[in-house]
Amino acid sequence: MATKNCRVSFTDADGVRRVTHVQADSLYEAAVLGLRALNRPDWIEVIGPYTRITVRVHEPPVEHFVMFAQLAQWLDRPARDAVEQMKKTKLKRLLALA
């Protein structure tokens, strides 16, 4: 999949909508990059398993939703090949740093 410009957002525990823009080549990559950009300790206390992450691709316009628990499950599933394994390892590291 080609890299796409995406708008990633979610509503935090205080009801505040957090939004950022990232470039990603998959839904899960966009979600991780968005969480990494938005999950600042001084802003957000907890992103729970039922946090709904919205990824809106700019071109072609389409919107996807993924729960944090789904993202975590995908990251923990065995990869189909070496390329996917490298991507999952990279995204796990990025998410751990968020």
N, C-alpha and C. Protein backbone atom coordinates (compact mmCIF):
# COMPACT_ATOMS: atom_id res chain seq x y z
N MET A 1 0.84 -1.18 0.00
CA MET A 1 0.00 0.00 0.00
C MET A 1 0.89 1.24 0.00
N ALA A 2 0.52 2.23 -0.76
CA ALA A 2 1.28 3.47 -0.82
C ALA A 2 1.05 4.30 0.44
N THR A 3 2.03 5.11 0.77
CA THR A 3 1.91 5.99 1.92
C THR A 3 0.81 7.02 1.66
N LYS A 4 -0.06 7.21 2.65
CA LYS A 4 -1.19 8.13 2.54
C LYS A 4 -1.13 9.16 3.66
N ASN A 5 -1.63 10.35 3.38
CA ASN A 5 -1.80 11.37 4.41
C ASN A 5 -3.08 11.04 5.17
N CYS A 6 -2.97 10.97 6.50
CA CYS A 6 -4.10 10.55 7.33
C CYS A 6 -4.30 11.51 8.49
N ARG A 7 -5.54 11.64 8.90
CA ARG A 7 -5.91 12.38 10.11
C ARG A 7 -6.28 11.33 11.14
N VAL A 8 -5.59 11.33 12.27
CA VAL A 8 -5.83 10.35 13.34
C VAL A 8 -6.40 11.10 14.54
N SER A 9 -7.47 10.55 15.10
CA SER A 9 -8.08 11.23 16.26
C SER A 9 -8.68 10.21 17.22
N PHE A 10 -8.84 10.66 18.45
CA PHE A 10 -9.57 9.90 19.46
C PHE A 10 -10.00 10.88 20.54
N THR A 11 -10.96 10.45 21.35
CA THR A 11 -11.45 11.26 22.46
C THR A 11 -10.85 10.72 23.74
N ASP A 12 -10.20 11.60 24.51
CA ASP A 12 -9.55 11.14 25.74
C ASP A 12 -10.56 10.96 26.86
N ALA A 13 -10.09 10.53 28.03
CA ALA A 13 -10.96 10.23 29.17
C ALA A 13 -11.72 11.45 29.67
N ASP A 14 -11.21 12.64 29.38
CA ASP A 14 -11.88 13.88 29.79
C ASP A 14 -12.86 14.38 28.74
N GLY A 15 -13.03 13.62 27.65
CA GLY A 15 -13.95 14.02 26.59
C GLY A 15 -13.36 14.99 25.58
N VAL A 16 -12.04 15.19 25.64
CA VAL A 16 -11.37 16.10 24.72
C VAL A 16 -10.96 15.33 23.47
N ARG A 17 -11.32 15.85 22.31
CA ARG A 17 -10.96 15.21 21.03
C ARG A 17 -9.54 15.60 20.69
N ARG A 18 -8.68 14.62 20.49
CA ARG A 18 -7.27 14.83 20.13
C ARG A 18 -7.09 14.46 18.66
N VAL A 19 -6.42 15.31 17.89
CA VAL A 19 -6.27 15.11 16.45
C VAL A 19 -4.84 15.41 16.03
N THR A 20 -4.32 14.60 15.11
CA THR A 20 -3.02 14.86 14.50
C THR A 20 -3.04 14.34 13.07
N HIS A 21 -2.04 14.70 12.31
CA HIS A 21 -1.91 14.23 10.93
C HIS A 21 -0.61 13.44 10.81
N VAL A 22 -0.69 12.29 10.13
CA VAL A 22 0.48 11.43 9.94
C VAL A 22 0.50 10.93 8.50
N GLN A 23 1.63 10.37 8.11
CA GLN A 23 1.74 9.66 6.84
C GLN A 23 2.01 8.20 7.16
N ALA A 24 1.16 7.32 6.59
CA ALA A 24 1.28 5.90 6.90
C ALA A 24 0.84 5.07 5.71
N ASP A 25 1.25 3.80 5.72
CA ASP A 25 0.85 2.93 4.62
C ASP A 25 -0.12 1.84 5.05
N SER A 26 -0.63 1.93 6.29
CA SER A 26 -1.66 1.00 6.74
C SER A 26 -2.46 1.63 7.87
N LEU A 27 -3.63 1.07 8.12
CA LEU A 27 -4.48 1.55 9.21
C LEU A 27 -3.76 1.46 10.54
N TYR A 28 -3.14 0.32 10.80
CA TYR A 28 -2.48 0.12 12.09
C TYR A 28 -1.27 1.03 12.25
N GLU A 29 -0.52 1.22 11.19
CA GLU A 29 0.61 2.14 11.28
C GLU A 29 0.13 3.55 11.56
N ALA A 30 -0.93 3.99 10.89
CA ALA A 30 -1.48 5.33 11.14
C ALA A 30 -1.94 5.46 12.59
N ALA A 31 -2.60 4.42 13.11
CA ALA A 31 -3.08 4.46 14.49
C ALA A 31 -1.91 4.59 15.47
N VAL A 32 -0.86 3.79 15.28
CA VAL A 32 0.30 3.86 16.18
C VAL A 32 0.99 5.21 16.08
N LEU A 33 1.22 5.71 14.86
CA LEU A 33 1.89 7.00 14.70
C LEU A 33 1.05 8.12 15.30
N GLY A 34 -0.27 8.04 15.13
CA GLY A 34 -1.15 9.05 15.72
C GLY A 34 -1.13 9.00 17.24
N LEU A 35 -1.20 7.80 17.82
CA LEU A 35 -1.14 7.69 19.28
C LEU A 35 0.20 8.20 19.80
N ARG A 36 1.25 7.87 19.10
CA ARG A 36 2.58 8.35 19.51
C ARG A 36 2.63 9.86 19.52
N ALA A 37 2.06 10.49 18.52
CA ALA A 37 2.07 11.95 18.44
C ALA A 37 1.16 12.59 19.49
N LEU A 38 0.07 11.93 19.81
CA LEU A 38 -0.93 12.52 20.71
C LEU A 38 -0.80 12.12 22.17
N ASN A 39 -0.19 11.01 22.46
CA ASN A 39 -0.15 10.50 23.83
C ASN A 39 0.99 11.15 24.61
N ARG A 40 0.77 12.36 25.01
CA ARG A 40 1.75 13.10 25.82
C ARG A 40 1.35 12.99 27.29
N PRO A 41 2.28 12.66 28.17
CA PRO A 41 1.94 12.48 29.58
C PRO A 41 1.25 13.70 30.21
N ASP A 42 1.59 14.88 29.74
CA ASP A 42 0.96 16.06 30.31
C ASP A 42 -0.44 16.30 29.74
N TRP A 43 -0.85 15.56 28.71
CA TRP A 43 -2.18 15.70 28.12
C TRP A 43 -3.12 14.59 28.54
N ILE A 44 -2.64 13.36 28.46
CA ILE A 44 -3.52 12.21 28.53
C ILE A 44 -3.00 11.24 29.58
N GLU A 45 -3.90 10.83 30.46
CA GLU A 45 -3.49 9.88 31.49
C GLU A 45 -3.52 8.43 31.00
N VAL A 46 -4.62 8.04 30.34
CA VAL A 46 -4.78 6.64 29.97
C VAL A 46 -5.42 6.51 28.59
N ILE A 47 -4.86 5.63 27.80
CA ILE A 47 -5.53 5.18 26.58
C ILE A 47 -5.88 3.73 26.84
N GLY A 48 -7.15 3.45 27.01
CA GLY A 48 -7.59 2.11 27.38
C GLY A 48 -7.90 1.25 26.18
N PRO A 49 -8.19 -0.04 26.44
CA PRO A 49 -8.44 -0.97 25.35
C PRO A 49 -9.66 -0.60 24.51
N TYR A 50 -10.59 0.16 25.08
CA TYR A 50 -11.80 0.52 24.34
C TYR A 50 -11.74 1.93 23.77
N THR A 51 -10.55 2.51 23.78
CA THR A 51 -10.38 3.81 23.12
C THR A 51 -10.56 3.60 21.62
N ARG A 52 -11.48 4.37 21.04
CA ARG A 52 -11.77 4.26 19.60
C ARG A 52 -10.89 5.24 18.85
N ILE A 53 -10.06 4.71 17.97
CA ILE A 53 -9.14 5.52 17.18
C ILE A 53 -9.73 5.65 15.78
N THR A 54 -9.84 6.88 15.31
CA THR A 54 -10.38 7.14 13.98
C THR A 54 -9.23 7.54 13.07
N VAL A 55 -9.15 6.88 11.92
CA VAL A 55 -8.14 7.21 10.92
C VAL A 55 -8.88 7.61 9.65
N ARG A 56 -8.71 8.85 9.25
CA ARG A 56 -9.34 9.36 8.02
C ARG A 56 -8.25 9.58 6.98
N VAL A 57 -8.33 8.81 5.90
CA VAL A 57 -7.39 8.96 4.79
C VAL A 57 -7.88 10.13 3.93
N HIS A 58 -6.95 11.01 3.54
CA HIS A 58 -7.34 12.18 2.76
C HIS A 58 -7.65 11.84 1.31
N GLU A 59 -6.82 11.05 0.65
CA GLU A 59 -7.00 10.71 -0.76
C GLU A 59 -6.74 9.24 -0.99
N PRO A 60 -7.66 8.47 -1.43
CA PRO A 60 -9.07 8.82 -1.61
C PRO A 60 -9.73 8.92 -0.24
N PRO A 61 -10.72 9.79 -0.11
CA PRO A 61 -11.32 10.01 1.21
C PRO A 61 -12.03 8.75 1.73
N VAL A 62 -11.57 8.28 2.88
CA VAL A 62 -12.18 7.13 3.54
C VAL A 62 -11.85 7.22 5.03
N GLU A 63 -12.75 6.70 5.85
CA GLU A 63 -12.54 6.76 7.29
C GLU A 63 -12.62 5.35 7.86
N HIS A 64 -11.68 5.03 8.76
CA HIS A 64 -11.63 3.72 9.42
C HIS A 64 -11.65 3.93 10.92
N PHE A 65 -12.13 2.92 11.64
CA PHE A 65 -12.12 2.94 13.10
C PHE A 65 -11.46 1.67 13.59
N VAL A 66 -10.68 1.81 14.65
CA VAL A 66 -10.06 0.65 15.28
C VAL A 66 -9.99 0.92 16.78
N MET A 67 -10.33 -0.09 17.55
CA MET A 67 -10.21 0.02 19.00
C MET A 67 -8.76 -0.26 19.38
N PHE A 68 -8.30 0.37 20.45
CA PHE A 68 -6.93 0.14 20.88
C PHE A 68 -6.67 -1.35 21.12
N ALA A 69 -7.66 -2.06 21.67
CA ALA A 69 -7.49 -3.50 21.92
C ALA A 69 -7.25 -4.26 20.60
N GLN A 70 -7.93 -3.87 19.52
CA GLN A 70 -7.72 -4.52 18.22
C GLN A 70 -6.30 -4.27 17.72
N LEU A 71 -5.84 -3.04 17.89
CA LEU A 71 -4.48 -2.69 17.49
C LEU A 71 -3.46 -3.54 18.26
N ALA A 72 -3.65 -3.65 19.56
CA ALA A 72 -2.74 -4.44 20.39
C ALA A 72 -2.77 -5.92 19.99
N GLN A 73 -3.95 -6.44 19.69
CA GLN A 73 -4.06 -7.85 19.26
C GLN A 73 -3.33 -8.07 17.94
N TRP A 74 -3.48 -7.14 16.99
CA TRP A 74 -2.80 -7.27 15.70
C TRP A 74 -1.28 -7.27 15.91
N LEU A 75 -0.81 -6.38 16.77
CA LEU A 75 0.63 -6.32 17.02
C LEU A 75 1.15 -7.62 17.64
N ASP A 76 0.33 -8.27 18.45
CA ASP A 76 0.76 -9.50 19.13
C ASP A 76 0.62 -10.76 18.29
N ARG A 77 -0.17 -10.71 17.22
CA ARG A 77 -0.34 -11.88 16.35
C ARG A 77 0.94 -12.16 15.57
N PRO A 78 1.20 -13.43 15.25
CA PRO A 78 2.38 -13.75 14.44
C PRO A 78 2.29 -13.07 13.07
N ALA A 79 3.42 -12.62 12.60
CA ALA A 79 3.49 -11.96 11.29
C ALA A 79 3.42 -13.00 10.18
N ARG A 80 2.92 -12.54 9.02
CA ARG A 80 2.82 -13.43 7.85
C ARG A 80 4.16 -13.63 7.17
N ASP A 81 5.03 -12.63 7.29
CA ASP A 81 6.33 -12.71 6.62
C ASP A 81 7.32 -11.79 7.34
N ALA A 82 8.55 -11.78 6.86
CA ALA A 82 9.61 -11.00 7.50
C ALA A 82 9.34 -9.50 7.43
N VAL A 83 8.77 -9.04 6.33
CA VAL A 83 8.48 -7.61 6.17
C VAL A 83 7.45 -7.17 7.21
N GLU A 84 6.38 -7.95 7.37
CA GLU A 84 5.37 -7.61 8.37
C GLU A 84 5.96 -7.69 9.78
N GLN A 85 6.83 -8.66 10.02
CA GLN A 85 7.46 -8.77 11.34
C GLN A 85 8.28 -7.53 11.67
N MET A 86 9.03 -7.04 10.69
CA MET A 86 9.83 -5.83 10.91
C MET A 86 8.92 -4.65 11.21
N LYS A 87 7.81 -4.53 10.47
CA LYS A 87 6.87 -3.43 10.70
C LYS A 87 6.26 -3.52 12.10
N LYS A 88 5.84 -4.73 12.49
CA LYS A 88 5.24 -4.88 13.82
C LYS A 88 6.24 -4.55 14.92
N THR A 89 7.47 -4.99 14.76
CA THR A 89 8.50 -4.69 15.76
C THR A 89 8.70 -3.18 15.87
N LYS A 90 8.79 -2.49 14.75
CA LYS A 90 8.95 -1.03 14.74
C LYS A 90 7.76 -0.35 15.41
N LEU A 91 6.54 -0.77 15.08
CA LEU A 91 5.35 -0.14 15.64
C LEU A 91 5.22 -0.42 17.14
N LYS A 92 5.60 -1.62 17.58
CA LYS A 92 5.58 -1.92 19.03
C LYS A 92 6.53 -0.99 19.78
N ARG A 93 7.71 -0.77 19.21
CA ARG A 93 8.68 0.14 19.85
C ARG A 93 8.11 1.56 19.93
N LEU A 94 7.53 2.01 18.82
CA LEU A 94 6.95 3.37 18.81
C LEU A 94 5.83 3.50 19.82
N LEU A 95 5.00 2.50 19.93
CA LEU A 95 3.89 2.54 20.87
C LEU A 95 4.39 2.52 22.30
N ALA A 96 5.46 1.78 22.56
CA ALA A 96 6.03 1.73 23.90
C ALA A 96 6.61 3.07 24.31
N LEU A 97 7.06 3.85 23.34
CA LEU A 97 7.64 5.17 23.63
C LEU A 97 6.59 6.24 23.82
N ALA A 98 5.35 5.94 23.41
CA ALA A 98 4.29 6.97 23.49
C ALA A 98 3.95 7.29 24.92
